[in-house]
Protein backbone atom coordinates (compact mmCIF):
# COMPACT_ATOMS: atom_id res chain seq x y z
CA UNK A 1 -82.01 -296.34 93.62
CA UNK A 2 -82.11 -292.58 94.26
CA UNK A 3 -84.38 -289.74 93.25
CA UNK A 4 -82.74 -286.67 91.72
CA UNK A 5 -83.65 -283.06 92.38
CA UNK A 6 -85.39 -282.89 88.99
CA UNK A 7 -87.75 -285.70 90.01
CA UNK A 8 -86.20 -288.48 87.91
CA UNK A 9 -85.22 -291.80 89.45
CA UNK A 10 -81.63 -292.95 88.93
CA UNK A 11 -79.74 -296.22 89.23
CA UNK A 12 -76.09 -296.96 88.38
CA UNK A 13 -74.11 -300.15 87.81
CA UNK A 14 -70.44 -300.79 87.02
CA UNK A 15 -69.59 -302.70 83.83
CA UNK A 16 -65.90 -303.45 83.10
CA UNK A 17 -64.86 -300.67 85.43
CA UNK A 18 -67.19 -298.09 83.88
CA UNK A 19 -70.25 -296.57 85.55
CA UNK A 20 -73.49 -296.84 83.59
CA UNK A 21 -76.49 -294.70 84.62
CA UNK A 22 -80.19 -295.33 84.00
CA UNK A 23 -82.92 -292.73 84.41
CA UNK A 24 -86.73 -292.80 84.43
CA UNK A 25 -89.82 -291.07 85.66
CA UNK A 26 -90.66 -294.10 87.81
CA UNK A 27 -88.72 -296.85 89.53
CA UNK A 28 -90.35 -299.40 87.23
CA UNK A 29 -89.12 -297.54 84.16
CA UNK A 30 -85.56 -297.48 85.51
CA UNK A 31 -85.66 -301.19 86.38
CA UNK A 32 -86.94 -302.05 82.88
CA UNK A 33 -84.11 -300.10 81.26
CA UNK A 34 -81.65 -301.85 83.58
CA UNK A 35 -83.02 -305.34 82.76
CA UNK A 36 -83.01 -304.59 79.02
CA UNK A 37 -79.42 -303.41 79.19
CA UNK A 38 -78.29 -306.44 81.21
CA UNK A 39 -80.02 -308.74 78.74
CA UNK A 40 -78.25 -306.98 75.87
CA UNK A 41 -74.96 -307.21 77.75
CA UNK A 42 -75.33 -310.96 78.21
CA UNK A 43 -75.77 -311.37 74.46
CA UNK A 44 -72.65 -309.30 73.86
CA UNK A 45 -71.91 -306.19 71.82
CA UNK A 46 -72.34 -305.92 68.08
CA UNK A 47 -69.26 -305.91 65.85
CA UNK A 48 -70.03 -302.42 64.57
CA UNK A 49 -70.20 -301.07 68.15
CA UNK A 50 -66.73 -302.39 68.94
CA UNK A 51 -65.44 -301.28 65.53
CA UNK A 52 -66.61 -297.70 66.13
CA UNK A 53 -64.96 -297.73 69.56
CA UNK A 54 -61.70 -298.96 68.00
CA UNK A 55 -61.82 -296.26 65.31
CA UNK A 56 -62.35 -293.51 67.88
CA UNK A 57 -59.52 -294.72 70.14
CA UNK A 58 -57.04 -295.71 67.43
CA UNK A 59 -57.43 -292.46 65.49
CA UNK A 60 -56.02 -290.63 68.50
CA UNK A 61 -52.89 -292.79 68.56
CA UNK A 62 -51.73 -292.84 64.93
CA UNK A 63 -51.17 -290.22 62.25
CA UNK A 64 -54.13 -289.26 60.02
CA UNK A 65 -52.53 -290.75 56.90
CA UNK A 66 -52.45 -294.18 58.57
CA UNK A 67 -56.12 -293.99 59.53
CA UNK A 68 -56.92 -292.85 56.00
CA UNK A 69 -55.28 -296.03 54.74
CA UNK A 70 -57.42 -298.08 57.12
CA UNK A 71 -60.69 -296.36 56.17
CA UNK A 72 -61.78 -298.62 53.30
CA UNK A 73 -60.91 -301.78 55.25
CA UNK A 74 -62.79 -300.47 58.33
CA UNK A 75 -65.91 -299.79 56.27
CA UNK A 76 -65.63 -303.18 54.56
CA UNK A 77 -65.46 -305.01 57.91
CA UNK A 78 -68.38 -303.04 59.38
CA UNK A 79 -70.53 -303.71 56.32
CA UNK A 80 -69.65 -307.42 56.32
CA UNK A 81 -70.16 -308.18 60.03
CA UNK A 82 -72.49 -305.27 60.92
CA UNK A 83 -75.06 -306.58 63.47
CA UNK A 84 -73.23 -309.84 64.18
CA UNK A 85 -72.32 -310.24 67.84
CA UNK A 86 -68.59 -309.90 68.40
CA UNK A 87 -68.57 -313.13 70.46
CA UNK A 88 -70.17 -315.06 67.59
CA UNK A 89 -67.48 -314.25 65.01
CA UNK A 90 -65.43 -317.32 64.10
CA UNK A 91 -62.19 -317.89 62.18
CA UNK A 92 -64.37 -319.23 59.36
CA UNK A 93 -66.26 -315.91 59.20
CA UNK A 94 -63.02 -313.92 58.88
CA UNK A 95 -61.68 -316.37 56.30
CA UNK A 96 -64.85 -315.99 54.20
CA UNK A 97 -64.42 -312.21 54.15
CA UNK A 98 -60.79 -312.51 53.01
CA UNK A 99 -61.83 -315.06 50.38
CA UNK A 100 -64.46 -312.65 49.04
CA UNK A 101 -61.73 -310.03 48.58
CA UNK A 102 -59.50 -312.59 46.89
CA UNK A 103 -62.31 -313.41 44.47
CA UNK A 104 -62.52 -309.70 43.64
CA UNK A 105 -58.78 -309.77 42.75
CA UNK A 106 -57.62 -307.57 45.60
CA UNK A 107 -53.88 -307.51 46.21
CA UNK A 108 -51.99 -309.19 49.04
CA UNK A 109 -51.41 -305.82 50.71
CA UNK A 110 -55.13 -304.95 50.78
CA UNK A 111 -56.13 -308.35 52.18
CA UNK A 112 -53.34 -308.24 54.79
CA UNK A 113 -54.53 -304.80 55.87
CA UNK A 114 -58.11 -306.11 56.09
CA UNK A 115 -57.06 -308.91 58.44
CA UNK A 116 -54.98 -306.49 60.50
CA UNK A 117 -57.92 -304.09 60.95
CA UNK A 118 -60.29 -306.87 62.05
CA UNK A 119 -57.62 -308.17 64.41
CA UNK A 120 -57.20 -304.74 66.06
CA UNK A 121 -60.97 -304.30 66.41
CA UNK A 122 -61.42 -307.69 68.08
CA UNK A 123 -58.49 -306.99 70.41
CA UNK A 124 -60.50 -304.04 71.73
CA UNK A 125 -63.30 -306.49 72.59
CA UNK A 126 -60.81 -308.71 74.44
CA UNK A 127 -59.43 -305.78 76.44
CA UNK A 128 -62.96 -304.72 77.40
CA UNK A 129 -63.94 -308.22 78.50
CA UNK A 130 -66.43 -308.93 75.71
CA UNK A 131 -64.56 -312.07 74.62
CA UNK A 132 -61.43 -314.01 75.58
CA UNK A 133 -60.32 -315.36 72.19
CA UNK A 134 -59.38 -313.58 68.97
CA UNK A 135 -60.54 -315.63 65.93
CA UNK A 136 -58.02 -313.79 63.72
CA UNK A 137 -55.20 -315.70 65.43
CA UNK A 138 -56.29 -318.85 63.55
CA UNK A 139 -56.67 -317.14 60.14
CA UNK A 140 -54.02 -317.15 57.42
CA UNK A 141 -53.72 -314.89 54.40
CA UNK A 142 -54.78 -316.78 51.24
CA UNK A 143 -51.86 -318.02 49.14
CA UNK A 144 -51.13 -316.92 45.61
CA UNK A 145 -52.45 -313.39 45.99
CA UNK A 146 -51.29 -310.84 43.43
CA UNK A 147 -48.58 -308.50 44.63
CA UNK A 148 -48.79 -305.00 43.26
CA UNK A 149 -45.28 -303.91 42.38
CA UNK A 150 -44.22 -300.40 41.56
CA UNK A 151 -42.37 -300.00 38.31
CA UNK A 152 -38.71 -299.07 38.50
CA UNK A 153 -37.67 -295.77 36.89
CA UNK A 154 -36.59 -296.23 33.31
CA UNK A 155 -33.21 -295.12 31.99
CA UNK A 156 -35.00 -292.14 30.43
CA UNK A 157 -36.51 -291.19 33.79
CA UNK A 158 -33.09 -291.42 35.43
CA UNK A 159 -31.86 -289.02 32.76
CA UNK A 160 -34.77 -286.62 33.33
CA UNK A 161 -34.01 -286.44 37.05
CA UNK A 162 -30.30 -285.95 36.35
CA UNK A 163 -30.98 -283.00 34.04
CA UNK A 164 -33.83 -281.48 36.05
CA UNK A 165 -33.27 -278.05 37.57
CA UNK A 166 -35.52 -278.96 40.54
CA UNK A 167 -33.46 -280.40 43.40
CA UNK A 168 -36.26 -282.33 45.11
CA UNK A 169 -36.53 -285.37 42.74
CA UNK A 170 -32.73 -285.41 42.44
CA UNK A 171 -32.47 -285.54 46.25
CA UNK A 172 -34.99 -288.41 46.44
CA UNK A 173 -33.15 -290.44 43.83
CA UNK A 174 -29.72 -290.09 45.46
CA UNK A 175 -30.75 -290.52 49.11
CA UNK A 176 -33.59 -293.02 48.85
CA UNK A 177 -35.59 -290.90 51.28
CA UNK A 178 -39.33 -291.17 51.55
CA UNK A 179 -41.08 -287.97 50.51
CA UNK A 180 -41.89 -286.93 54.09
CA UNK A 181 -38.34 -287.64 55.26
CA UNK A 182 -36.82 -285.46 52.52
CA UNK A 183 -39.18 -282.57 53.30
CA UNK A 184 -38.00 -282.59 56.93
CA UNK A 185 -34.23 -282.60 56.22
CA UNK A 186 -32.33 -279.45 57.18
CA UNK A 187 -28.85 -278.33 56.26
CA UNK A 188 -27.96 -278.88 59.92
CA UNK A 189 -28.71 -282.60 59.40
CA UNK A 190 -25.79 -282.84 56.96
CA UNK A 191 -22.37 -283.85 58.25
CA UNK A 192 -20.17 -282.48 55.49
CA UNK A 193 -16.99 -283.98 56.90
CA UNK A 194 -18.31 -287.53 57.35
CA UNK A 195 -20.40 -287.18 54.18
CA UNK A 196 -23.65 -288.43 55.69
CA UNK A 197 -27.17 -287.05 56.07
CA UNK A 198 -28.94 -287.74 59.36
CA UNK A 199 -32.51 -288.92 58.72
CA UNK A 200 -34.25 -288.55 62.08
CA UNK A 201 -37.70 -287.08 61.40
CA UNK A 202 -40.35 -286.70 58.73
CA UNK A 203 -43.15 -284.37 57.68
CA UNK A 204 -46.71 -285.62 58.13
CA UNK A 205 -49.97 -283.91 57.19
CA UNK A 206 -53.19 -283.41 59.12
CA UNK A 207 -55.43 -282.67 56.21
CA UNK A 208 -53.33 -280.12 54.34
CA UNK A 209 -51.35 -278.85 57.34
CA UNK A 210 -47.75 -280.09 57.78
CA UNK A 211 -46.18 -281.12 61.08
CA UNK A 212 -42.94 -282.79 62.15
CA UNK A 213 -43.20 -286.40 63.29
CA UNK A 214 -40.97 -289.40 63.79
CA UNK A 215 -39.86 -291.47 60.81
CA UNK A 216 -42.21 -294.18 59.53
CA UNK A 217 -40.43 -296.91 61.50
CA UNK A 218 -37.72 -297.07 64.15
CA UNK A 219 -35.39 -298.30 61.40
CA UNK A 220 -36.13 -295.03 59.59
CA UNK A 221 -33.66 -293.27 61.90
CA UNK A 222 -30.46 -293.69 59.92
CA UNK A 223 -27.51 -291.98 58.24
CA UNK A 224 -27.54 -292.07 54.45
CA UNK A 225 -24.44 -291.46 52.37
CA UNK A 226 -24.05 -287.92 51.05
CA UNK A 227 -23.09 -288.84 47.50
CA UNK A 228 -20.65 -286.52 45.74
CA UNK A 229 -23.04 -285.67 42.91
CA UNK A 230 -25.69 -284.60 45.45
CA UNK A 231 -23.21 -282.66 47.57
CA UNK A 232 -22.23 -280.72 44.45
CA UNK A 233 -25.80 -279.39 44.18
CA UNK A 234 -26.18 -278.38 47.84
CA UNK A 235 -25.13 -275.01 49.25
CA UNK A 236 -22.99 -275.45 52.38
CA UNK A 237 -23.60 -271.86 53.43
CA UNK A 238 -27.37 -272.32 53.88
CA UNK A 239 -29.26 -273.20 57.05
CA UNK A 240 -32.74 -274.45 57.82
CA UNK A 241 -34.93 -276.65 55.64
CA UNK A 242 -33.48 -277.85 52.35
CA UNK A 243 -36.97 -277.68 50.83
CA UNK A 244 -38.82 -274.74 52.44
CA UNK A 245 -41.77 -272.80 51.08
CA UNK A 246 -41.32 -269.13 50.21
CA UNK A 247 -41.61 -268.26 53.92
CA UNK A 248 -38.88 -270.70 54.92
CA UNK A 249 -41.47 -273.05 56.44
CA UNK A 250 -42.77 -276.56 55.73
CA UNK A 251 -44.73 -277.09 52.54
CA UNK A 252 -48.44 -277.80 52.77
CA UNK A 253 -49.49 -281.11 51.21
CA UNK A 254 -51.34 -279.40 48.36
CA UNK A 255 -48.21 -277.41 47.47
CA UNK A 256 -46.06 -280.56 47.37
CA UNK A 257 -48.52 -282.31 45.07
CA UNK A 258 -48.96 -279.23 42.85
CA UNK A 259 -45.20 -278.71 42.42
CA UNK A 260 -44.69 -282.42 41.64
CA UNK A 261 -47.41 -282.40 38.96
CA UNK A 262 -45.97 -279.22 37.46
CA UNK A 263 -42.55 -280.89 37.31
CA UNK A 264 -44.03 -284.01 35.70
CA UNK A 265 -45.78 -281.94 33.03
CA UNK A 266 -42.69 -279.88 32.32
CA UNK A 267 -40.53 -282.96 31.72
CA UNK A 268 -43.30 -285.15 30.28
CA UNK A 269 -42.87 -287.90 32.86
CA UNK A 270 -45.15 -289.85 35.20
CA UNK A 271 -42.42 -290.99 37.58
CA UNK A 272 -43.44 -290.83 41.25
CA UNK A 273 -41.51 -290.02 44.41
CA UNK A 274 -41.76 -293.65 45.54
CA UNK A 275 -40.43 -294.87 42.20
CA UNK A 276 -37.35 -292.70 42.76
CA UNK A 277 -36.88 -294.41 46.12
CA UNK A 278 -36.89 -297.69 44.21
CA UNK A 279 -34.48 -296.07 41.79
CA UNK A 280 -32.09 -295.55 44.72
CA UNK A 281 -32.52 -299.23 45.60
CA UNK A 282 -31.55 -300.04 42.00
CA UNK A 283 -28.36 -298.00 42.41
CA UNK A 284 -27.53 -299.92 45.60
CA UNK A 285 -28.23 -303.23 43.85
CA UNK A 286 -26.09 -302.45 40.83
CA UNK A 287 -23.28 -301.12 43.05
CA UNK A 288 -23.16 -304.56 44.66
CA UNK A 289 -24.37 -303.65 48.15
CA UNK A 290 -25.59 -306.59 50.21
CA UNK A 291 -29.32 -306.61 51.14
CA UNK A 292 -28.50 -306.02 54.84
CA UNK A 293 -26.58 -302.83 53.99
CA UNK A 294 -29.33 -301.71 51.61
CA UNK A 295 -31.92 -302.38 54.33
CA UNK A 296 -30.16 -299.88 56.61
CA UNK A 297 -29.79 -297.19 53.95
CA UNK A 298 -33.43 -297.55 52.86
CA UNK A 299 -34.71 -297.57 56.45
CA UNK A 300 -36.64 -300.83 56.02
CA UNK A 301 -37.92 -302.41 59.23
CA UNK A 302 -37.34 -305.96 57.93
CA UNK A 303 -34.81 -307.55 55.61
CA UNK A 304 -37.65 -309.25 53.67
CA UNK A 305 -38.81 -305.85 52.37
CA UNK A 306 -35.35 -305.18 50.94
CA UNK A 307 -35.03 -308.68 49.51
CA UNK A 308 -38.40 -308.34 47.77
CA UNK A 309 -37.23 -305.12 46.10
CA UNK A 310 -33.89 -306.66 45.16
CA UNK A 311 -35.71 -309.64 43.61
CA UNK A 312 -37.96 -307.27 41.66
CA UNK A 313 -34.94 -305.30 40.42
CA UNK A 314 -33.12 -308.48 39.40
CA UNK A 315 -36.13 -309.74 37.43
CA UNK A 316 -36.69 -306.37 35.76
CA UNK A 317 -33.04 -306.11 34.77
CA UNK A 318 -33.06 -309.64 33.34
CA UNK A 319 -35.97 -308.66 31.10
CA UNK A 320 -34.10 -305.54 29.96
CA UNK A 321 -30.98 -307.56 29.22
CA UNK A 322 -33.04 -310.01 27.14
CA UNK A 323 -34.48 -307.18 25.04
CA UNK A 324 -31.04 -305.63 24.50
CA UNK A 325 -29.48 -308.97 23.54
CA UNK A 326 -32.27 -309.77 21.10
CA UNK A 327 -32.07 -306.28 19.58
CA UNK A 328 -28.32 -306.70 19.11
CA UNK A 329 -28.58 -310.17 17.58
CA UNK A 330 -31.44 -309.21 15.28
CA UNK A 331 -29.55 -306.31 13.73
């Protein structure tokens, strides 16, 4: 123990490779703080302490929109476990939390995200030496959870996009791009001879400010077909962003949302950008493309994502066919 120039006594110990300092006016005060800390360390850290550490570290590694999506699940986990010691959390505890969400009719996606967030938080505890076993590894997502499906665009909405004088929704429908991917496409990304568009980046937002980032997944890097009807609406003589603001720069998030709402009001539609992406999947389905080919064009990371959408399209179309057949026979 050493005495500092300001008169305080100081002692330091190393915990998991990190130096921890204790100060006091007397040696006895320093020793008491040290014993209290060691006693607390033996009991282990609280869940909320590890959770806050995870949030601080993870927020530096992923884009803000991803952390925004985690926010509600982070708060839910902290509220549920709160002052429980991280080493005392069992698979049964995690299962009870997921069951409580199931009872509240949360969707499969929400509950899967909840488990993923808890899993990442506890992995931080493992890395820091708090525990050696992750209880999430023994937990399964409850069966029979509702899956929230986005509605496909209707025939009327297809027609609205076709006749719209705004290129952006038309571009989304006939490329299947995610909104951020479309906003990042430049005329230089178009190979007019091979009739493909190189999708190799996307626009993300920190708050309202746009920036260029990688695509959502590695599979997002792809070449989509430049369909003839889209090529007819593009100007080969232009350069730079296909969808710039009035300064030739990236749109701010608020501008994108404002322009979309204005377009919806003008054409009396509620169709979303993501629905148009599903509309593109419908085109691929009805054109007879195999799921593996559709997976590439849509930039899905797994074939199961594409198959789920194809199944949804097939079921929706069957319902439409039933209505049309009944209408015909009832006339």
